């Protein structure tokens, strides 16, 4: 069986060279709850479900 082209340490170095350091993690007090301001656009309005079927060939 042939040995892998790189060791785990070498892969870690290559990842660091390519992507750099990760930013520090957000602390819990810095996090905020996501609030959607507009309805999703990937679903039809609740009053017209047939329009979604027609649009996608159902």
N, C-alpha and C. Protein backbone atom coordinates (compact mmCIF):
# COMPACT_ATOMS: atom_id res chain seq x y z
N UNK A 1 0.86 -1.18 0.00
CA UNK A 1 0.00 0.00 0.00
C UNK A 1 0.90 1.24 0.00
N UNK A 2 0.60 2.18 -0.86
CA UNK A 2 1.44 3.39 -0.92
C UNK A 2 1.06 4.34 0.19
N UNK A 3 2.04 5.10 0.62
CA UNK A 3 1.77 6.05 1.70
C UNK A 3 1.05 7.28 1.16
N UNK A 4 0.24 7.96 1.99
CA UNK A 4 -0.49 9.14 1.51
C UNK A 4 0.49 10.23 1.08
N UNK A 5 0.06 11.06 0.13
CA UNK A 5 0.97 12.10 -0.38
C UNK A 5 1.36 13.12 0.69
N UNK A 6 0.51 13.35 1.68
CA UNK A 6 0.81 14.31 2.74
C UNK A 6 0.41 13.73 4.08
N UNK A 7 1.08 14.15 5.12
CA UNK A 7 0.68 13.77 6.48
C UNK A 7 -0.41 14.73 6.95
N UNK A 8 -1.03 14.40 8.08
CA UNK A 8 -2.07 15.29 8.63
C UNK A 8 -1.49 16.67 8.94
N UNK A 9 -0.27 16.72 9.46
CA UNK A 9 0.36 18.01 9.77
C UNK A 9 0.62 18.81 8.50
N UNK A 10 1.02 18.13 7.43
CA UNK A 10 1.25 18.83 6.17
C UNK A 10 -0.06 19.36 5.59
N UNK A 11 -1.12 18.55 5.68
CA UNK A 11 -2.43 19.03 5.23
C UNK A 11 -2.88 20.24 6.06
N UNK A 12 -2.64 20.21 7.36
CA UNK A 12 -3.01 21.34 8.22
C UNK A 12 -2.25 22.58 7.79
N UNK A 13 -0.97 22.45 7.48
CA UNK A 13 -0.19 23.60 7.03
C UNK A 13 -0.74 24.13 5.70
N UNK A 14 -1.05 23.24 4.78
CA UNK A 14 -1.58 23.68 3.48
C UNK A 14 -2.91 24.40 3.63
N UNK A 15 -3.80 23.90 4.53
CA UNK A 15 -5.07 24.59 4.78
C UNK A 15 -4.82 25.98 5.34
N UNK A 16 -3.89 26.07 6.28
CA UNK A 16 -3.58 27.38 6.88
C UNK A 16 -3.00 28.32 5.84
N UNK A 17 -2.12 27.81 4.98
CA UNK A 17 -1.52 28.65 3.94
C UNK A 17 -2.58 29.14 2.96
N UNK A 18 -3.56 28.30 2.67
CA UNK A 18 -4.59 28.69 1.70
C UNK A 18 -5.65 29.59 2.30
N UNK A 19 -6.14 29.25 3.51
CA UNK A 19 -7.29 29.95 4.07
C UNK A 19 -6.95 30.88 5.23
N UNK A 20 -5.78 30.75 5.82
CA UNK A 20 -5.41 31.62 6.93
C UNK A 20 -6.11 31.22 8.22
N UNK A 21 -6.14 32.15 9.15
CA UNK A 21 -6.74 31.92 10.47
C UNK A 21 -8.25 32.09 10.40
N UNK A 22 -8.96 31.32 11.19
CA UNK A 22 -10.39 31.53 11.32
C UNK A 22 -10.65 32.75 12.19
N UNK A 23 -11.71 33.50 11.93
CA UNK A 23 -12.02 34.62 12.81
C UNK A 23 -12.44 34.09 14.18
N UNK A 24 -12.32 34.89 15.21
CA UNK A 24 -12.74 34.42 16.53
C UNK A 24 -14.25 34.13 16.54
N UNK A 25 -14.63 33.15 17.32
CA UNK A 25 -16.04 32.78 17.41
C UNK A 25 -16.84 33.89 18.10
N UNK A 26 -18.07 34.08 17.66
CA UNK A 26 -18.94 35.08 18.28
C UNK A 26 -19.35 34.61 19.67
N UNK A 27 -19.23 35.47 20.63
CA UNK A 27 -19.65 35.13 22.00
C UNK A 27 -21.18 35.16 22.06
N UNK A 28 -21.77 34.41 22.99
CA UNK A 28 -23.23 34.37 23.08
C UNK A 28 -23.87 35.75 23.23
N UNK A 29 -23.25 36.65 23.95
CA UNK A 29 -23.84 37.98 24.12
C UNK A 29 -23.76 38.83 22.85
N UNK A 30 -22.93 38.41 21.88
CA UNK A 30 -22.83 39.14 20.61
C UNK A 30 -23.81 38.62 19.57
N UNK A 31 -24.43 37.49 19.84
CA UNK A 31 -25.35 36.90 18.88
C UNK A 31 -26.72 37.55 18.98
N UNK A 32 -27.42 37.57 17.85
CA UNK A 32 -28.77 38.12 17.82
C UNK A 32 -29.70 37.11 17.16
N UNK A 33 -30.97 37.18 17.50
CA UNK A 33 -31.95 36.30 16.89
C UNK A 33 -32.33 36.84 15.52
N UNK A 34 -32.40 35.95 14.55
CA UNK A 34 -32.76 36.33 13.20
C UNK A 34 -34.26 36.57 13.11
N UNK A 35 -34.64 37.69 12.54
CA UNK A 35 -36.06 38.00 12.34
C UNK A 35 -36.27 38.26 10.86
N UNK A 36 -37.09 37.43 10.23
CA UNK A 36 -37.39 37.61 8.82
C UNK A 36 -38.29 38.83 8.65
N UNK A 37 -37.95 39.68 7.70
CA UNK A 37 -38.75 40.88 7.48
C UNK A 37 -39.68 40.75 6.28
N UNK A 38 -39.38 39.83 5.37
CA UNK A 38 -40.21 39.65 4.19
C UNK A 38 -40.54 38.17 4.05
N UNK A 39 -41.67 37.84 3.42
CA UNK A 39 -41.99 36.43 3.23
C UNK A 39 -40.98 35.78 2.28
N UNK A 40 -40.83 34.47 2.42
CA UNK A 40 -39.95 33.74 1.53
C UNK A 40 -40.47 33.84 0.10
N UNK A 41 -39.58 33.95 -0.85
CA UNK A 41 -40.00 34.08 -2.25
C UNK A 41 -39.97 32.74 -2.99
N UNK A 42 -39.59 31.66 -2.33
CA UNK A 42 -39.54 30.38 -3.02
C UNK A 42 -40.83 29.58 -2.85
N UNK A 43 -41.83 30.15 -2.23
CA UNK A 43 -43.14 29.51 -2.07
C UNK A 43 -44.23 30.49 -2.50
N UNK A 44 -45.36 29.96 -3.00
CA UNK A 44 -46.44 30.86 -3.42
C UNK A 44 -47.13 31.47 -2.21
N UNK A 45 -47.90 32.45 -2.50
CA UNK A 45 -48.73 33.04 -1.45
C UNK A 45 -49.70 31.98 -0.95
N UNK A 46 -50.08 32.00 0.30
CA UNK A 46 -50.97 30.96 0.84
C UNK A 46 -52.31 30.87 0.14
N UNK A 47 -52.78 31.95 -0.49
CA UNK A 47 -54.10 31.93 -1.11
C UNK A 47 -54.09 31.35 -2.53
N UNK A 48 -52.92 30.98 -3.09
CA UNK A 48 -52.87 30.48 -4.46
C UNK A 48 -51.89 29.32 -4.61
N UNK A 49 -52.17 28.16 -3.99
CA UNK A 49 -51.23 27.03 -4.11
C UNK A 49 -51.19 26.42 -5.51
N UNK A 50 -52.25 26.58 -6.31
CA UNK A 50 -52.27 26.01 -7.65
C UNK A 50 -51.28 26.72 -8.56
N UNK A 51 -51.05 27.95 -8.32
CA UNK A 51 -50.09 28.69 -9.15
C UNK A 51 -48.71 28.05 -9.03
N UNK A 52 -48.36 27.61 -7.83
CA UNK A 52 -47.07 26.94 -7.63
C UNK A 52 -47.02 25.64 -8.44
N UNK A 53 -48.12 24.88 -8.45
CA UNK A 53 -48.17 23.64 -9.20
C UNK A 53 -48.02 23.91 -10.70
N UNK A 54 -48.70 24.90 -11.20
CA UNK A 54 -48.63 25.21 -12.62
C UNK A 54 -47.23 25.69 -13.02
N UNK A 55 -46.62 26.47 -12.17
CA UNK A 55 -45.30 27.01 -12.46
C UNK A 55 -44.26 25.90 -12.61
N UNK A 56 -44.39 24.83 -11.80
CA UNK A 56 -43.38 23.79 -11.77
C UNK A 56 -43.84 22.49 -12.42
N UNK A 57 -44.86 22.59 -13.25
CA UNK A 57 -45.28 21.46 -14.06
C UNK A 57 -45.94 20.30 -13.33
N UNK A 58 -46.56 20.58 -12.21
CA UNK A 58 -47.23 19.50 -11.47
C UNK A 58 -48.63 19.30 -11.95
